[in-house]
Amino acid sequence: MKNTPRLFGWTGTVVLVGLMTTAVIVAQKVKVDSNPSAPFATYKTYAWTTGTAAPNPLADQRLHASVDRRLETRGLTENTASPDLVVTTHVTTQERQELVPTGFAYGPWWGGVGGGAYIETSVEGTLILDFYDAKTKQMVWRGVATATASEKPTKNTEKMNKALDKMFEKFPIQGGPVSTSGRQ
């Protein structure tokens, strides 16, 4: 019998599957919810209230500026004296750890091939954007986005803008496109 190399045997398939699972990328998740009886057509002004600031104050400033631009494109203006809507953001981060196998190991009765693993640590960020009716004090709209944070502020800004774009696609007050290259 001729000795031909096999591309994948049983162990090769397991190793290939193990390598593929280590390359899984966590996708950004965005969810929105709103009160269908809220009078969105009557809202013309808004004001900010204190929420949970981002760990990086510069990121918090960028977030508020980005929300401001999106609200401007929908005809809303900031008015701290008598707003129709009150806006707040909450930003949280949580460290996540995942066990990543580096190979396949099986017992000594099969020849004893070594394997191993390492722990991969990442930071998951959550952004919550809430709108309250200023008169009734009732929440009328909420957007929530979750994604893996980067060590690079520019990447996080890109992820934030992408999340806000997805949220505002379902915002009841429609408007024009938003420029994300403007103020920061």
N, C-alpha and C. Protein backbone atom coordinates (compact mmCIF):
# COMPACT_ATOMS: atom_id res chain seq x y z
N MET A 1 0.84 -1.16 0.00
CA MET A 1 0.00 0.00 0.00
C MET A 1 0.89 1.24 0.00
N LYS A 2 0.55 2.18 -0.83
CA LYS A 2 1.34 3.39 -0.98
C LYS A 2 1.08 4.31 0.20
N ASN A 3 2.11 4.93 0.73
CA ASN A 3 2.01 5.83 1.87
C ASN A 3 1.77 7.25 1.38
N THR A 4 0.51 7.67 1.30
CA THR A 4 0.20 9.02 0.84
C THR A 4 -0.23 9.87 2.04
N PRO A 5 0.21 11.09 2.07
CA PRO A 5 -0.19 11.94 3.20
C PRO A 5 -1.68 12.30 3.10
N ARG A 6 -2.32 12.29 4.26
CA ARG A 6 -3.73 12.69 4.31
C ARG A 6 -3.79 14.17 4.67
N LEU A 7 -4.68 14.87 4.02
CA LEU A 7 -4.83 16.28 4.31
C LEU A 7 -5.42 16.47 5.70
N PHE A 8 -6.48 15.75 6.01
CA PHE A 8 -7.09 15.84 7.33
C PHE A 8 -7.42 14.43 7.80
N GLY A 9 -6.89 14.10 8.93
CA GLY A 9 -7.33 12.90 9.62
C GLY A 9 -8.23 13.34 10.75
N TRP A 10 -8.55 12.44 11.64
CA TRP A 10 -9.41 12.77 12.77
C TRP A 10 -8.77 13.86 13.61
N THR A 11 -7.49 13.71 13.95
CA THR A 11 -6.84 14.71 14.80
C THR A 11 -6.64 16.03 14.05
N GLY A 12 -6.37 15.97 12.76
CA GLY A 12 -6.21 17.18 11.98
C GLY A 12 -7.49 18.00 11.93
N THR A 13 -8.60 17.32 11.83
CA THR A 13 -9.89 18.02 11.80
C THR A 13 -10.15 18.70 13.13
N VAL A 14 -9.85 18.02 14.23
CA VAL A 14 -10.06 18.61 15.55
C VAL A 14 -9.16 19.83 15.73
N VAL A 15 -7.90 19.74 15.30
CA VAL A 15 -6.99 20.88 15.41
C VAL A 15 -7.49 22.04 14.55
N LEU A 16 -7.97 21.75 13.33
CA LEU A 16 -8.48 22.79 12.46
C LEU A 16 -9.70 23.47 13.08
N VAL A 17 -10.60 22.71 13.63
CA VAL A 17 -11.78 23.29 14.28
C VAL A 17 -11.34 24.15 15.47
N GLY A 18 -10.37 23.66 16.24
CA GLY A 18 -9.86 24.43 17.38
C GLY A 18 -9.26 25.75 16.95
N LEU A 19 -8.52 25.76 15.86
CA LEU A 19 -7.93 27.00 15.36
C LEU A 19 -9.00 27.95 14.84
N MET A 20 -10.03 27.43 14.21
CA MET A 20 -11.09 28.28 13.69
C MET A 20 -11.88 28.94 14.81
N THR A 21 -12.07 28.25 15.92
CA THR A 21 -12.86 28.83 17.00
C THR A 21 -12.10 29.93 17.73
N THR A 22 -10.79 29.94 17.66
CA THR A 22 -10.04 31.01 18.31
C THR A 22 -10.12 32.31 17.52
N ALA A 23 -10.57 32.25 16.26
CA ALA A 23 -10.64 33.45 15.43
C ALA A 23 -12.03 34.08 15.43
N VAL A 24 -12.89 33.66 16.32
CA VAL A 24 -14.23 34.22 16.37
C VAL A 24 -14.15 35.67 16.81
N ILE A 25 -14.83 36.54 16.08
CA ILE A 25 -14.85 37.96 16.41
C ILE A 25 -16.21 38.29 17.00
N VAL A 26 -16.21 39.01 18.10
CA VAL A 26 -17.46 39.38 18.73
C VAL A 26 -18.06 40.55 17.96
N ALA A 27 -19.25 40.35 17.43
CA ALA A 27 -19.92 41.38 16.65
C ALA A 27 -20.61 42.39 17.56
N GLN A 28 -20.77 43.56 17.03
CA GLN A 28 -21.47 44.61 17.77
C GLN A 28 -22.96 44.29 17.78
N LYS A 29 -23.56 44.40 18.96
CA LYS A 29 -25.00 44.16 19.09
C LYS A 29 -25.68 45.48 19.43
N VAL A 30 -26.76 45.79 18.72
CA VAL A 30 -27.51 47.02 18.97
C VAL A 30 -28.99 46.66 19.08
N LYS A 31 -29.62 47.19 20.13
CA LYS A 31 -31.06 46.99 20.33
C LYS A 31 -31.68 48.33 20.66
N VAL A 32 -32.91 48.54 20.19
CA VAL A 32 -33.64 49.76 20.53
C VAL A 32 -35.05 49.39 20.98
N ASP A 33 -35.62 50.26 21.79
CA ASP A 33 -36.98 50.08 22.26
C ASP A 33 -37.58 51.47 22.43
N SER A 34 -38.88 51.58 22.20
CA SER A 34 -39.51 52.88 22.36
C SER A 34 -40.95 52.74 22.82
N ASN A 35 -41.48 53.84 23.32
CA ASN A 35 -42.86 53.90 23.74
C ASN A 35 -43.68 54.33 22.53
N PRO A 36 -44.50 53.45 21.96
CA PRO A 36 -45.23 53.81 20.74
C PRO A 36 -46.26 54.92 20.95
N SER A 37 -46.66 55.19 22.18
CA SER A 37 -47.64 56.24 22.41
C SER A 37 -47.00 57.61 22.71
N ALA A 38 -45.68 57.66 22.71
CA ALA A 38 -44.99 58.94 22.97
C ALA A 38 -45.21 59.89 21.78
N PRO A 39 -45.40 61.17 22.04
CA PRO A 39 -45.68 62.14 20.98
C PRO A 39 -44.40 62.65 20.30
N PHE A 40 -43.69 61.77 19.60
CA PHE A 40 -42.40 62.14 19.02
C PHE A 40 -42.49 63.33 18.07
N ALA A 41 -43.60 63.52 17.38
CA ALA A 41 -43.74 64.63 16.44
C ALA A 41 -43.74 65.99 17.14
N THR A 42 -44.03 66.00 18.43
CA THR A 42 -44.07 67.28 19.16
C THR A 42 -42.73 67.66 19.78
N TYR A 43 -41.79 66.74 19.80
CA TYR A 43 -40.49 67.02 20.43
C TYR A 43 -39.63 67.86 19.50
N LYS A 44 -39.21 69.03 20.01
CA LYS A 44 -38.38 69.95 19.23
C LYS A 44 -37.08 70.32 19.93
N THR A 45 -37.03 70.14 21.25
CA THR A 45 -35.85 70.54 22.02
C THR A 45 -35.43 69.42 22.96
N TYR A 46 -34.19 69.50 23.43
CA TYR A 46 -33.66 68.51 24.37
C TYR A 46 -32.63 69.15 25.28
N ALA A 47 -32.37 68.46 26.39
CA ALA A 47 -31.31 68.86 27.32
C ALA A 47 -30.65 67.58 27.83
N TRP A 48 -29.41 67.72 28.20
CA TRP A 48 -28.65 66.59 28.75
C TRP A 48 -28.83 66.53 30.26
N THR A 49 -28.81 65.32 30.79
CA THR A 49 -28.74 65.12 32.23
C THR A 49 -27.61 64.14 32.50
N THR A 50 -27.15 64.11 33.72
CA THR A 50 -26.02 63.27 34.09
C THR A 50 -26.38 61.80 34.01
N GLY A 51 -25.49 61.04 33.43
CA GLY A 51 -25.64 59.59 33.34
C GLY A 51 -24.42 58.93 33.94
N THR A 52 -23.97 57.86 33.30
CA THR A 52 -22.75 57.17 33.71
C THR A 52 -21.70 57.48 32.65
N ALA A 53 -20.73 58.28 33.02
CA ALA A 53 -19.72 58.72 32.05
C ALA A 53 -18.82 57.57 31.62
N ALA A 54 -18.29 57.69 30.40
CA ALA A 54 -17.31 56.74 29.89
C ALA A 54 -16.05 56.84 30.74
N PRO A 55 -15.29 55.75 30.86
CA PRO A 55 -14.05 55.79 31.65
C PRO A 55 -13.06 56.84 31.16
N ASN A 56 -13.09 57.14 29.85
CA ASN A 56 -12.21 58.14 29.27
C ASN A 56 -13.05 59.41 29.03
N PRO A 57 -12.75 60.52 29.71
CA PRO A 57 -13.53 61.74 29.53
C PRO A 57 -13.58 62.24 28.08
N LEU A 58 -12.52 62.03 27.32
CA LEU A 58 -12.53 62.44 25.91
C LEU A 58 -13.54 61.62 25.12
N ALA A 59 -13.65 60.35 25.43
CA ALA A 59 -14.64 59.50 24.76
C ALA A 59 -16.05 59.96 25.09
N ASP A 60 -16.25 60.39 26.32
CA ASP A 60 -17.56 60.90 26.73
C ASP A 60 -17.91 62.17 25.97
N GLN A 61 -16.94 63.05 25.79
CA GLN A 61 -17.16 64.28 25.02
C GLN A 61 -17.51 63.95 23.57
N ARG A 62 -16.79 62.99 22.98
CA ARG A 62 -17.07 62.58 21.60
C ARG A 62 -18.47 61.99 21.48
N LEU A 63 -18.86 61.19 22.47
CA LEU A 63 -20.19 60.58 22.47
C LEU A 63 -21.28 61.65 22.47
N HIS A 64 -21.17 62.60 23.37
CA HIS A 64 -22.19 63.65 23.47
C HIS A 64 -22.22 64.50 22.20
N ALA A 65 -21.06 64.82 21.64
CA ALA A 65 -21.02 65.60 20.40
C ALA A 65 -21.65 64.82 19.25
N SER A 66 -21.42 63.53 19.21
CA SER A 66 -21.98 62.69 18.15
C SER A 66 -23.50 62.58 18.25
N VAL A 67 -24.00 62.45 19.47
CA VAL A 67 -25.46 62.43 19.68
C VAL A 67 -26.04 63.80 19.31
N ASP A 68 -25.37 64.88 19.72
CA ASP A 68 -25.84 66.23 19.37
C ASP A 68 -26.00 66.39 17.86
N ARG A 69 -25.00 65.94 17.08
CA ARG A 69 -25.06 66.05 15.62
C ARG A 69 -26.26 65.28 15.06
N ARG A 70 -26.50 64.09 15.60
CA ARG A 70 -27.63 63.29 15.12
C ARG A 70 -28.97 63.93 15.46
N LEU A 71 -29.05 64.54 16.60
CA LEU A 71 -30.29 65.21 16.99
C LEU A 71 -30.51 66.47 16.15
N GLU A 72 -29.43 67.19 15.83
CA GLU A 72 -29.52 68.38 14.98
C GLU A 72 -30.09 68.01 13.61
N THR A 73 -29.64 66.88 13.04
CA THR A 73 -30.13 66.48 11.72
C THR A 73 -31.62 66.11 11.75
N ARG A 74 -32.15 65.91 12.93
CA ARG A 74 -33.58 65.60 13.08
C ARG A 74 -34.40 66.82 13.51
N GLY A 75 -33.76 67.98 13.47
CA GLY A 75 -34.47 69.22 13.77
C GLY A 75 -34.60 69.53 15.25
N LEU A 76 -33.91 68.80 16.10
CA LEU A 76 -33.96 69.06 17.54
C LEU A 76 -32.83 70.02 17.92
N THR A 77 -33.14 70.95 18.82
CA THR A 77 -32.12 71.87 19.30
C THR A 77 -31.98 71.73 20.81
N GLU A 78 -30.78 71.98 21.27
CA GLU A 78 -30.54 71.89 22.71
C GLU A 78 -31.14 73.11 23.40
N ASN A 79 -31.88 72.88 24.49
CA ASN A 79 -32.53 73.95 25.23
C ASN A 79 -32.57 73.50 26.70
N THR A 80 -31.70 74.07 27.51
CA THR A 80 -31.62 73.64 28.91
C THR A 80 -32.73 74.26 29.77
N ALA A 81 -33.36 75.34 29.28
CA ALA A 81 -34.39 76.01 30.08
C ALA A 81 -35.71 75.25 30.11
N SER A 82 -36.20 74.84 28.94
CA SER A 82 -37.48 74.10 28.91
C SER A 82 -37.46 73.07 27.78
N PRO A 83 -36.75 71.98 27.98
CA PRO A 83 -36.65 70.97 26.92
C PRO A 83 -37.91 70.10 26.83
N ASP A 84 -38.09 69.53 25.65
CA ASP A 84 -39.15 68.54 25.46
C ASP A 84 -38.65 67.15 25.86
N LEU A 85 -37.37 66.90 25.58
CA LEU A 85 -36.74 65.62 25.89
C LEU A 85 -35.55 65.83 26.80
N VAL A 86 -35.29 64.83 27.64
CA VAL A 86 -34.08 64.80 28.46
C VAL A 86 -33.29 63.59 28.00
N VAL A 87 -32.00 63.81 27.70
CA VAL A 87 -31.13 62.78 27.15
C VAL A 87 -30.06 62.42 28.16
N THR A 88 -29.77 61.15 28.26
CA THR A 88 -28.67 60.70 29.12
C THR A 88 -27.99 59.50 28.48
N THR A 89 -26.71 59.34 28.80
CA THR A 89 -25.96 58.17 28.33
C THR A 89 -25.37 57.45 29.53
N HIS A 90 -25.23 56.16 29.37
CA HIS A 90 -24.56 55.33 30.37
C HIS A 90 -23.55 54.48 29.62
N VAL A 91 -22.30 54.54 30.04
CA VAL A 91 -21.24 53.76 29.41
C VAL A 91 -20.59 52.91 30.49
N THR A 92 -20.55 51.61 30.25
CA THR A 92 -19.91 50.71 31.20
C THR A 92 -18.93 49.80 30.45
N THR A 93 -17.94 49.33 31.17
CA THR A 93 -17.01 48.36 30.60
C THR A 93 -16.87 47.21 31.58
N GLN A 94 -16.62 46.04 31.01
CA GLN A 94 -16.43 44.85 31.83
C GLN A 94 -15.36 43.98 31.19
N GLU A 95 -14.44 43.52 32.01
CA GLU A 95 -13.38 42.65 31.51
C GLU A 95 -13.93 41.24 31.33
N ARG A 96 -13.63 40.65 30.18
CA ARG A 96 -14.05 39.28 29.87
C ARG A 96 -12.82 38.41 29.67
N GLN A 97 -12.88 37.19 30.14
CA GLN A 97 -11.79 36.25 29.94
C GLN A 97 -12.32 35.02 29.23
N GLU A 98 -11.51 34.52 28.28
CA GLU A 98 -11.90 33.35 27.51
C GLU A 98 -10.71 32.39 27.44
N LEU A 99 -10.97 31.12 27.66
CA LEU A 99 -9.94 30.09 27.55
C LEU A 99 -9.79 29.73 26.08
N VAL A 100 -8.58 29.89 25.53
CA VAL A 100 -8.33 29.62 24.12
C VAL A 100 -7.38 28.42 24.01
N PRO A 101 -7.84 27.29 23.45
CA PRO A 101 -6.96 26.13 23.30
C PRO A 101 -5.93 26.38 22.20
N THR A 102 -4.71 25.91 22.42
CA THR A 102 -3.65 26.10 21.44
C THR A 102 -3.30 24.82 20.70
N GLY A 103 -3.93 23.76 21.03
CA GLY A 103 -3.65 22.50 20.36
C GLY A 103 -4.57 21.42 20.88
N PHE A 104 -4.33 20.23 20.40
CA PHE A 104 -5.17 19.09 20.78
C PHE A 104 -4.33 18.17 21.64
N ALA A 105 -4.86 17.74 22.75
CA ALA A 105 -4.15 16.80 23.63
C ALA A 105 -5.03 15.60 23.87
N TYR A 106 -4.40 14.44 23.88
CA TYR A 106 -5.14 13.25 24.25
C TYR A 106 -4.24 12.38 25.09
N GLY A 107 -4.82 11.43 25.73
CA GLY A 107 -4.12 10.64 26.74
C GLY A 107 -2.94 9.84 26.24
N PRO A 108 -2.12 9.33 27.16
CA PRO A 108 -0.92 8.59 26.82
C PRO A 108 -1.22 7.27 26.12
N TRP A 109 -2.43 6.76 26.26
CA TRP A 109 -2.77 5.50 25.61
C TRP A 109 -2.89 5.66 24.11
N TRP A 110 -2.93 6.91 23.58
CA TRP A 110 -2.98 7.15 22.14
C TRP A 110 -1.67 7.74 21.62
N GLY A 111 -0.68 7.77 22.41
CA GLY A 111 0.59 8.28 21.95
C GLY A 111 1.01 9.57 22.62
N GLY A 112 0.12 10.22 23.33
CA GLY A 112 0.46 11.39 24.14
C GLY A 112 0.94 12.59 23.38
N VAL A 113 0.07 13.31 22.77
CA VAL A 113 0.43 14.56 22.10
C VAL A 113 0.04 15.69 23.03
N GLY A 114 0.95 16.62 23.23
CA GLY A 114 0.68 17.72 24.16
C GLY A 114 -0.20 18.80 23.56
N GLY A 115 -0.89 19.48 24.39
CA GLY A 115 -1.73 20.61 24.00
C GLY A 115 -1.59 21.68 25.04
N GLY A 116 -2.36 22.67 24.94
CA GLY A 116 -2.30 23.73 25.93
C GLY A 116 -3.40 24.73 25.69
N ALA A 117 -3.35 25.77 26.46
CA ALA A 117 -4.35 26.82 26.34
C ALA A 117 -3.81 28.08 26.98
N TYR A 118 -4.42 29.19 26.65
CA TYR A 118 -4.10 30.45 27.30
C TYR A 118 -5.40 31.20 27.53
N ILE A 119 -5.33 32.19 28.39
CA ILE A 119 -6.51 32.99 28.67
C ILE A 119 -6.38 34.31 27.95
N GLU A 120 -7.41 34.60 27.14
CA GLU A 120 -7.44 35.86 26.41
C GLU A 120 -8.38 36.82 27.15
N THR A 121 -7.88 38.00 27.44
CA THR A 121 -8.67 38.99 28.16
C THR A 121 -9.07 40.11 27.20
N SER A 122 -10.34 40.47 27.25
CA SER A 122 -10.83 41.58 26.43
C SER A 122 -11.75 42.43 27.28
N VAL A 123 -12.04 43.61 26.78
CA VAL A 123 -12.94 44.52 27.49
C VAL A 123 -14.19 44.70 26.63
N GLU A 124 -15.33 44.43 27.23
CA GLU A 124 -16.61 44.62 26.55
C GLU A 124 -17.21 45.93 27.03
N GLY A 125 -17.59 46.77 26.08
CA GLY A 125 -18.19 48.04 26.42
C GLY A 125 -19.67 48.05 26.08
N THR A 126 -20.46 48.71 26.93
CA THR A 126 -21.89 48.85 26.69
C THR A 126 -22.24 50.33 26.72
N LEU A 127 -22.98 50.76 25.72
CA LEU A 127 -23.45 52.14 25.61
C LEU A 127 -24.97 52.12 25.65
N ILE A 128 -25.53 52.89 26.57
CA ILE A 128 -26.99 53.02 26.67
C ILE A 128 -27.32 54.49 26.45
N LEU A 129 -28.26 54.74 25.55
CA LEU A 129 -28.72 56.09 25.23
C LEU A 129 -30.21 56.15 25.55
N ASP A 130 -30.58 56.98 26.52
CA ASP A 130 -31.97 57.09 26.97
C ASP A 130 -32.55 58.47 26.68
N PHE A 131 -33.82 58.48 26.29
CA PHE A 131 -34.57 59.72 26.09
C PHE A 131 -35.81 59.67 26.97
N TYR A 132 -36.03 60.74 27.74
CA TYR A 132 -37.19 60.86 28.62
C TYR A 132 -38.03 62.05 28.18
N ASP A 133 -39.33 61.92 28.27
CA ASP A 133 -40.23 63.06 28.06
C ASP A 133 -40.04 63.98 29.26
N ALA A 134 -39.67 65.23 29.02
CA ALA A 134 -39.37 66.16 30.11
C ALA A 134 -40.59 66.50 30.96
N LYS A 135 -41.77 66.49 30.36
CA LYS A 135 -42.98 66.84 31.10
C LYS A 135 -43.50 65.66 31.94
N THR A 136 -43.55 64.48 31.33
CA THR A 136 -44.12 63.32 32.04
C THR A 136 -43.08 62.56 32.85
N LYS A 137 -41.80 62.81 32.58
CA LYS A 137 -40.67 62.11 33.23
C LYS A 137 -40.64 60.61 32.88
N GLN A 138 -41.33 60.22 31.82
CA GLN A 138 -41.37 58.83 31.38
C GLN A 138 -40.34 58.59 30.27
N MET A 139 -39.69 57.42 30.30
CA MET A 139 -38.77 57.07 29.23
C MET A 139 -39.58 56.84 27.95
N VAL A 140 -39.07 57.42 26.85
CA VAL A 140 -39.77 57.25 25.58
C VAL A 140 -38.95 56.48 24.55
N TRP A 141 -37.62 56.40 24.74
CA TRP A 141 -36.79 55.69 23.77
C TRP A 141 -35.49 55.26 24.43
N ARG A 142 -35.01 54.06 24.07
CA ARG A 142 -33.73 53.57 24.58
C ARG A 142 -33.00 52.83 23.47
N GLY A 143 -31.69 53.11 23.37
CA GLY A 143 -30.81 52.36 22.48
C GLY A 143 -29.69 51.76 23.31
N VAL A 144 -29.35 50.49 23.04
CA VAL A 144 -28.29 49.80 23.77
C VAL A 144 -27.35 49.14 22.76
N ALA A 145 -26.06 49.39 22.91
CA ALA A 145 -25.05 48.78 22.04
C ALA A 145 -23.97 48.14 22.89
N THR A 146 -23.54 46.96 22.47
CA THR A 146 -22.47 46.24 23.16
C THR A 146 -21.45 45.77 22.13
N ALA A 147 -20.17 45.97 22.43
CA ALA A 147 -19.10 45.54 21.54
C ALA A 147 -17.81 45.39 22.33
N THR A 148 -16.86 44.71 21.74
CA THR A 148 -15.53 44.58 22.34
C THR A 148 -14.78 45.89 22.13
N ALA A 149 -14.26 46.43 23.20
CA ALA A 149 -13.52 47.69 23.13
C ALA A 149 -12.11 47.45 22.61
N SER A 150 -11.55 48.48 22.01
CA SER A 150 -10.19 48.43 21.49
C SER A 150 -9.28 49.22 22.41
N GLU A 151 -7.99 49.00 22.28
CA GLU A 151 -7.02 49.81 23.02
C GLU A 151 -6.79 51.14 22.30
N LYS A 152 -7.28 51.25 21.05
CA LYS A 152 -7.08 52.46 20.26
C LYS A 152 -8.33 53.34 20.34
N PRO A 153 -8.19 54.58 20.81
CA PRO A 153 -9.35 55.48 20.90
C PRO A 153 -10.05 55.70 19.56
N THR A 154 -9.29 55.75 18.45
CA THR A 154 -9.92 55.98 17.15
C THR A 154 -10.83 54.81 16.77
N LYS A 155 -10.43 53.60 17.09
CA LYS A 155 -11.27 52.42 16.82
C LYS A 155 -12.54 52.47 17.65
N ASN A 156 -12.41 52.86 18.91
CA ASN A 156 -13.58 52.95 19.78
C ASN A 156 -14.54 54.04 19.29
N THR A 157 -14.00 55.14 18.77
CA THR A 157 -14.85 56.19 18.23
C THR A 157 -15.60 55.67 17.00
N GLU A 158 -14.91 54.91 16.15
CA GLU A 158 -15.56 54.31 14.98
C GLU A 158 -16.69 53.37 15.40
N LYS A 159 -16.42 52.54 16.40
CA LYS A 159 -17.43 51.60 16.90
C LYS A 159 -18.61 52.35 17.50
N MET A 160 -18.33 53.43 18.24
CA MET A 160 -19.39 54.23 18.85
C MET A 160 -20.27 54.84 17.76
N ASN A 161 -19.65 55.42 16.73
CA ASN A 161 -20.42 56.04 15.65
C ASN A 161 -21.24 55.00 14.89
N LYS A 162 -20.69 53.84 14.68
CA LYS A 162 -21.42 52.77 14.00
C LYS A 162 -22.63 52.35 14.85
N ALA A 163 -22.43 52.24 16.15
CA ALA A 163 -23.53 51.87 17.05
C ALA A 163 -24.61 52.95 17.04
N LEU A 164 -24.21 54.22 17.10
CA LEU A 164 -25.19 55.31 17.07
C LEU A 164 -25.93 55.35 15.75
N ASP A 165 -25.23 55.07 14.65
CA ASP A 165 -25.90 55.01 13.34
C ASP A 165 -27.00 53.95 13.36
N LYS A 166 -26.67 52.79 13.89
CA LYS A 166 -27.66 51.70 13.96
C LYS A 166 -28.83 52.07 14.87
N MET A 167 -28.53 52.70 16.00
CA MET A 167 -29.59 53.11 16.91
C MET A 167 -30.53 54.11 16.25
N PHE A 168 -29.94 55.14 15.63
CA PHE A 168 -30.74 56.23 15.08
C PHE A 168 -31.48 55.83 13.81
N GLU A 169 -31.13 54.67 13.20
CA GLU A 169 -31.93 54.16 12.08
C GLU A 169 -33.36 53.90 12.55
N LYS A 170 -33.52 53.58 13.83
CA LYS A 170 -34.83 53.26 14.37
C LYS A 170 -35.37 54.34 15.31
N PHE A 171 -34.76 55.52 15.25
CA PHE A 171 -35.23 56.63 16.07
C PHE A 171 -36.49 57.19 15.41
N PRO A 172 -37.57 57.42 16.17
CA PRO A 172 -38.85 57.82 15.58
C PRO A 172 -38.85 59.18 14.88
N ILE A 173 -37.91 60.06 15.21
CA ILE A 173 -37.84 61.37 14.55
C ILE A 173 -36.77 61.26 13.46
N GLN A 174 -37.19 61.28 12.21
CA GLN A 174 -36.27 61.07 11.10
C GLN A 174 -35.56 62.35 10.72
N GLY A 175 -34.39 62.18 10.09
CA GLY A 175 -33.60 63.32 9.67
C GLY A 175 -32.66 62.95 8.56
N GLY A 176 -31.72 63.82 8.27
CA GLY A 176 -30.76 63.61 7.19
C GLY A 176 -29.54 62.84 7.68
N PRO A 177 -28.57 62.64 6.76
CA PRO A 177 -27.34 61.93 7.12
C PRO A 177 -26.49 62.74 8.10
N VAL A 178 -25.68 62.02 8.86
CA VAL A 178 -24.83 62.64 9.85
C VAL A 178 -23.38 62.57 9.41
N SER A 179 -22.67 63.66 9.51
CA SER A 179 -21.24 63.68 9.22
C SER A 179 -20.50 63.31 10.51
N THR A 180 -19.72 62.25 10.45
CA THR A 180 -18.95 61.84 11.63
C THR A 180 -17.54 62.40 11.59
N SER A 181 -17.21 63.15 10.54
CA SER A 181 -15.85 63.69 10.44
C SER A 181 -15.76 65.12 10.97
N GLY A 182 -16.88 65.66 11.43
CA GLY A 182 -16.90 67.04 11.91
C GLY A 182 -16.31 67.19 13.28
N ARG A 183 -17.05 67.83 14.17
CA ARG A 183 -16.57 68.11 15.53
C ARG A 183 -16.32 66.82 16.29
N GLN A 184 -15.39 66.91 17.23
CA GLN A 184 -15.16 65.77 18.12
C GLN A 184 -14.96 66.18 19.50
